[in-house]
């Protein structure tokens, strides 16, 4: 069975009408995410394949696309919720918890 993911990014609105047939999706509050990066609680790193938590921080790997056209940071949704769920970093989700 294919696992389909939709990682939605939404600009600061707390209400949404969201319809999708995706099995999993998440909408992340970018203001909270960027604040955590700026404060050093989320650390993008150039090593590893998976994010990890150590000393109350998330270390998230920077991954390059296979064609080297761009890169992205691989955040673990469950870890984001574990560390920052009380701060409403995740606005909407389906299939993660």
N, C-alpha and C. Protein backbone atom coordinates (compact mmCIF):
# COMPACT_ATOMS: atom_id res chain seq x y z
N UNK A 1 0.83 -1.18 0.00
CA UNK A 1 0.00 0.00 0.00
C UNK A 1 0.88 1.24 0.00
N UNK A 2 0.59 2.18 -0.87
CA UNK A 2 1.34 3.42 -0.92
C UNK A 2 0.96 4.31 0.24
N UNK A 3 1.94 4.98 0.81
CA UNK A 3 1.67 5.96 1.87
C UNK A 3 1.80 7.34 1.25
N UNK A 4 0.73 8.07 1.26
CA UNK A 4 0.72 9.41 0.68
C UNK A 4 0.78 10.44 1.78
N UNK A 5 1.63 11.43 1.63
CA UNK A 5 1.76 12.49 2.62
C UNK A 5 1.53 13.84 1.96
N UNK A 6 0.80 14.68 2.61
CA UNK A 6 0.65 16.07 2.20
C UNK A 6 1.10 16.91 3.37
N UNK A 7 2.18 17.64 3.20
CA UNK A 7 2.66 18.53 4.25
C UNK A 7 2.19 19.93 3.86
N UNK A 8 1.15 20.40 4.52
CA UNK A 8 0.59 21.70 4.20
C UNK A 8 1.19 22.78 5.05
N UNK A 9 1.40 23.93 4.47
CA UNK A 9 1.88 25.08 5.20
C UNK A 9 0.84 26.18 5.08
N UNK A 10 0.50 26.78 6.18
CA UNK A 10 -0.61 27.72 6.22
C UNK A 10 -0.17 28.99 6.93
N UNK A 11 -0.57 30.13 6.40
CA UNK A 11 -0.13 31.39 6.97
C UNK A 11 -1.05 31.82 8.11
N UNK A 12 -0.74 31.45 9.30
CA UNK A 12 -1.21 31.97 10.57
C UNK A 12 -2.71 31.94 10.86
N UNK A 13 -3.52 31.39 10.03
CA UNK A 13 -4.94 31.31 10.33
C UNK A 13 -5.22 30.04 11.11
N UNK A 14 -6.03 30.14 12.13
CA UNK A 14 -6.30 29.00 12.99
C UNK A 14 -7.51 28.20 12.54
N UNK A 15 -8.30 28.72 11.63
CA UNK A 15 -9.45 27.97 11.14
C UNK A 15 -9.21 27.61 9.69
N UNK A 16 -9.70 26.47 9.32
CA UNK A 16 -9.48 26.03 7.94
C UNK A 16 -10.55 25.06 7.52
N UNK A 17 -10.89 25.11 6.27
CA UNK A 17 -11.71 24.08 5.66
C UNK A 17 -10.74 23.29 4.80
N UNK A 18 -10.55 22.05 5.13
CA UNK A 18 -9.49 21.27 4.51
C UNK A 18 -10.06 19.93 4.10
N UNK A 19 -10.17 19.67 2.82
CA UNK A 19 -10.65 18.38 2.34
C UNK A 19 -9.57 17.75 1.48
N UNK A 20 -9.28 16.50 1.75
CA UNK A 20 -8.29 15.77 0.98
C UNK A 20 -8.55 14.28 1.12
N UNK A 21 -8.10 13.51 0.14
CA UNK A 21 -8.17 12.07 0.22
C UNK A 21 -6.85 11.47 0.68
N UNK A 22 -5.89 12.32 1.01
CA UNK A 22 -4.61 11.82 1.50
C UNK A 22 -4.81 11.08 2.81
N UNK A 23 -4.02 10.03 3.01
CA UNK A 23 -4.11 9.26 4.23
C UNK A 23 -3.50 10.00 5.41
N UNK A 24 -2.48 10.81 5.14
CA UNK A 24 -1.81 11.59 6.18
C UNK A 24 -1.57 13.00 5.67
N UNK A 25 -1.79 13.97 6.54
CA UNK A 25 -1.39 15.34 6.23
C UNK A 25 -1.20 16.10 7.52
N UNK A 26 -0.47 17.20 7.43
CA UNK A 26 -0.24 18.06 8.59
C UNK A 26 -0.11 19.50 8.10
N UNK A 27 -0.67 20.42 8.87
CA UNK A 27 -0.52 21.84 8.61
C UNK A 27 0.25 22.41 9.79
N UNK A 28 1.41 22.99 9.50
CA UNK A 28 2.32 23.49 10.53
C UNK A 28 2.27 25.01 10.57
N UNK A 29 2.26 25.58 11.78
CA UNK A 29 2.32 27.03 11.95
C UNK A 29 3.76 27.47 11.73
N UNK A 30 4.02 28.16 10.63
CA UNK A 30 5.39 28.56 10.29
C UNK A 30 5.97 29.56 11.27
N UNK A 31 5.13 30.40 11.87
CA UNK A 31 5.65 31.35 12.86
C UNK A 31 6.26 30.61 14.04
N UNK A 32 5.58 29.59 14.53
CA UNK A 32 6.10 28.80 15.65
C UNK A 32 7.33 28.02 15.20
N UNK A 33 7.28 27.41 14.03
CA UNK A 33 8.41 26.64 13.52
C UNK A 33 9.66 27.51 13.39
N UNK A 34 9.53 28.67 12.77
CA UNK A 34 10.69 29.57 12.60
C UNK A 34 11.19 30.09 13.94
N UNK A 35 10.30 30.34 14.88
CA UNK A 35 10.72 30.80 16.21
C UNK A 35 11.55 29.72 16.91
N UNK A 36 11.16 28.47 16.74
CA UNK A 36 11.92 27.36 17.35
C UNK A 36 13.29 27.21 16.69
N UNK A 37 13.37 27.42 15.39
CA UNK A 37 14.67 27.38 14.71
C UNK A 37 15.53 28.54 15.17
N UNK A 38 14.96 29.75 15.22
CA UNK A 38 15.71 30.94 15.64
C UNK A 38 16.21 30.81 17.08
N UNK A 39 15.44 30.17 17.94
CA UNK A 39 15.84 30.03 19.34
C UNK A 39 16.78 28.85 19.59
N UNK A 40 17.03 28.04 18.55
CA UNK A 40 17.93 26.90 18.69
C UNK A 40 17.28 25.64 19.22
N UNK A 41 15.95 25.63 19.34
CA UNK A 41 15.27 24.42 19.79
C UNK A 41 15.04 23.42 18.67
N UNK A 42 15.05 23.90 17.43
CA UNK A 42 15.09 23.03 16.26
C UNK A 42 16.38 23.38 15.52
N UNK A 43 17.21 22.36 15.29
CA UNK A 43 18.52 22.58 14.68
C UNK A 43 18.61 21.79 13.37
N UNK A 44 18.61 22.47 12.23
CA UNK A 44 18.84 21.77 10.95
C UNK A 44 20.31 21.32 10.89
N UNK A 45 20.53 20.06 10.53
CA UNK A 45 21.89 19.50 10.47
C UNK A 45 22.12 18.83 9.12
N UNK A 46 23.35 18.78 8.70
CA UNK A 46 23.72 18.17 7.42
C UNK A 46 24.10 16.71 7.56
N UNK A 47 23.66 16.05 8.60
CA UNK A 47 23.99 14.63 8.78
C UNK A 47 22.74 13.87 9.19
N UNK A 48 22.74 12.58 8.90
CA UNK A 48 21.63 11.72 9.29
C UNK A 48 20.50 11.70 8.28
N UNK A 49 19.64 10.73 8.47
CA UNK A 49 18.47 10.57 7.60
C UNK A 49 17.16 10.88 8.31
N UNK A 50 17.18 10.89 9.63
CA UNK A 50 15.98 11.07 10.42
C UNK A 50 16.22 12.12 11.49
N UNK A 51 15.17 12.82 11.87
CA UNK A 51 15.31 13.77 12.96
C UNK A 51 15.40 13.01 14.28
N UNK A 52 15.99 13.66 15.28
CA UNK A 52 16.14 13.04 16.59
C UNK A 52 16.01 14.12 17.65
N UNK A 53 15.67 13.70 18.85
CA UNK A 53 15.57 14.61 19.98
C UNK A 53 16.73 14.32 20.92
N UNK A 54 17.42 15.37 21.33
CA UNK A 54 18.49 15.25 22.32
C UNK A 54 18.51 16.54 23.14
N UNK A 55 18.52 16.39 24.45
CA UNK A 55 18.58 17.53 25.37
C UNK A 55 17.48 18.54 25.11
N UNK A 56 16.27 18.06 24.80
CA UNK A 56 15.13 18.94 24.60
C UNK A 56 15.12 19.69 23.28
N UNK A 57 16.01 19.30 22.36
CA UNK A 57 16.08 19.94 21.05
C UNK A 57 15.81 18.90 19.97
N UNK A 58 15.28 19.36 18.84
CA UNK A 58 15.11 18.50 17.67
C UNK A 58 16.24 18.79 16.70
N UNK A 59 16.95 17.76 16.30
CA UNK A 59 17.97 17.86 15.27
C UNK A 59 17.39 17.24 14.01
N UNK A 60 17.12 18.08 13.00
CA UNK A 60 16.42 17.64 11.79
C UNK A 60 17.37 17.70 10.61
N UNK A 61 17.50 16.61 9.86
CA UNK A 61 18.45 16.56 8.75
C UNK A 61 18.02 17.41 7.55
N UNK A 62 18.98 18.04 6.94
CA UNK A 62 18.79 18.73 5.67
C UNK A 62 19.04 17.70 4.58
N UNK A 63 18.07 17.48 3.73
CA UNK A 63 18.18 16.47 2.68
C UNK A 63 18.18 17.15 1.31
N UNK A 64 19.04 16.68 0.43
CA UNK A 64 19.08 17.17 -0.94
C UNK A 64 18.20 16.29 -1.82
N UNK A 65 17.47 16.92 -2.72
CA UNK A 65 16.71 16.14 -3.70
C UNK A 65 17.68 15.37 -4.59
N UNK A 66 17.23 14.24 -5.10
CA UNK A 66 18.14 13.38 -5.86
C UNK A 66 18.70 14.04 -7.11
N UNK A 67 18.00 15.03 -7.67
CA UNK A 67 18.51 15.71 -8.85
C UNK A 67 19.31 16.97 -8.48
N UNK A 68 19.56 17.17 -7.18
CA UNK A 68 20.31 18.32 -6.66
C UNK A 68 19.69 19.67 -7.01
N UNK A 69 18.41 19.70 -7.31
CA UNK A 69 17.75 20.95 -7.68
C UNK A 69 17.41 21.80 -6.45
N UNK A 70 17.25 21.15 -5.30
CA UNK A 70 16.90 21.87 -4.09
C UNK A 70 17.12 20.96 -2.89
N UNK A 71 16.86 21.50 -1.72
CA UNK A 71 16.97 20.70 -0.51
C UNK A 71 15.80 21.04 0.41
N UNK A 72 15.63 20.23 1.44
CA UNK A 72 14.54 20.43 2.39
C UNK A 72 14.98 19.91 3.75
N UNK A 73 14.28 20.31 4.78
CA UNK A 73 14.55 19.83 6.13
C UNK A 73 13.48 18.79 6.47
N UNK A 74 13.93 17.63 6.92
CA UNK A 74 13.01 16.52 7.22
C UNK A 74 12.61 16.56 8.70
N UNK A 75 11.45 17.15 8.97
CA UNK A 75 10.93 17.21 10.33
C UNK A 75 10.09 15.98 10.62
N UNK A 76 10.25 15.41 11.79
CA UNK A 76 9.41 14.30 12.23
C UNK A 76 8.18 14.90 12.92
N UNK A 77 7.00 14.62 12.40
CA UNK A 77 5.77 15.22 12.90
C UNK A 77 5.49 14.82 14.35
N UNK A 78 5.72 13.57 14.70
CA UNK A 78 5.49 13.13 16.07
C UNK A 78 6.45 13.82 17.04
N UNK A 79 7.68 14.04 16.61
CA UNK A 79 8.64 14.74 17.45
C UNK A 79 8.27 16.22 17.60
N UNK A 80 7.81 16.84 16.51
CA UNK A 80 7.34 18.23 16.61
C UNK A 80 6.22 18.33 17.64
N UNK A 81 5.30 17.39 17.61
CA UNK A 81 4.19 17.40 18.55
C UNK A 81 4.67 17.13 19.97
N UNK A 82 5.60 16.20 20.12
CA UNK A 82 6.13 15.87 21.45
C UNK A 82 6.78 17.09 22.10
N UNK A 83 7.58 17.81 21.33
CA UNK A 83 8.31 18.95 21.88
C UNK A 83 7.49 20.23 21.96
N UNK A 84 6.65 20.48 20.94
CA UNK A 84 6.02 21.79 20.82
C UNK A 84 4.50 21.73 20.64
N UNK A 85 3.89 20.60 20.89
CA UNK A 85 2.46 20.45 20.70
C UNK A 85 1.63 21.41 21.53
N UNK A 86 2.08 21.70 22.74
CA UNK A 86 1.34 22.63 23.61
C UNK A 86 1.40 24.06 23.10
N UNK A 87 2.29 24.33 22.18
CA UNK A 87 2.42 25.67 21.60
C UNK A 87 1.72 25.77 20.25
N UNK A 88 0.90 24.79 19.94
CA UNK A 88 0.09 24.77 18.71
C UNK A 88 0.93 24.90 17.44
N UNK A 89 2.05 24.21 17.39
CA UNK A 89 2.85 24.20 16.17
C UNK A 89 2.11 23.46 15.06
N UNK A 90 1.32 22.47 15.44
CA UNK A 90 0.54 21.71 14.47
C UNK A 90 -0.90 22.21 14.54
N UNK A 91 -1.36 22.79 13.44
CA UNK A 91 -2.69 23.37 13.41
C UNK A 91 -3.76 22.34 13.08
N UNK A 92 -3.47 21.49 12.10
CA UNK A 92 -4.39 20.46 11.66
C UNK A 92 -3.54 19.25 11.28
N UNK A 93 -4.05 18.05 11.56
CA UNK A 93 -3.35 16.84 11.14
C UNK A 93 -4.35 15.72 10.96
N UNK A 94 -3.95 14.75 10.20
CA UNK A 94 -4.73 13.52 10.05
C UNK A 94 -3.74 12.37 9.89
N UNK A 95 -3.94 11.34 10.69
CA UNK A 95 -3.17 10.12 10.52
C UNK A 95 -1.85 10.04 11.27
N UNK A 96 -1.49 11.06 12.05
CA UNK A 96 -0.23 11.02 12.78
C UNK A 96 -0.43 10.66 14.25
N UNK A 97 -1.47 11.22 14.88
CA UNK A 97 -1.74 10.92 16.29
C UNK A 97 -3.20 11.19 16.59
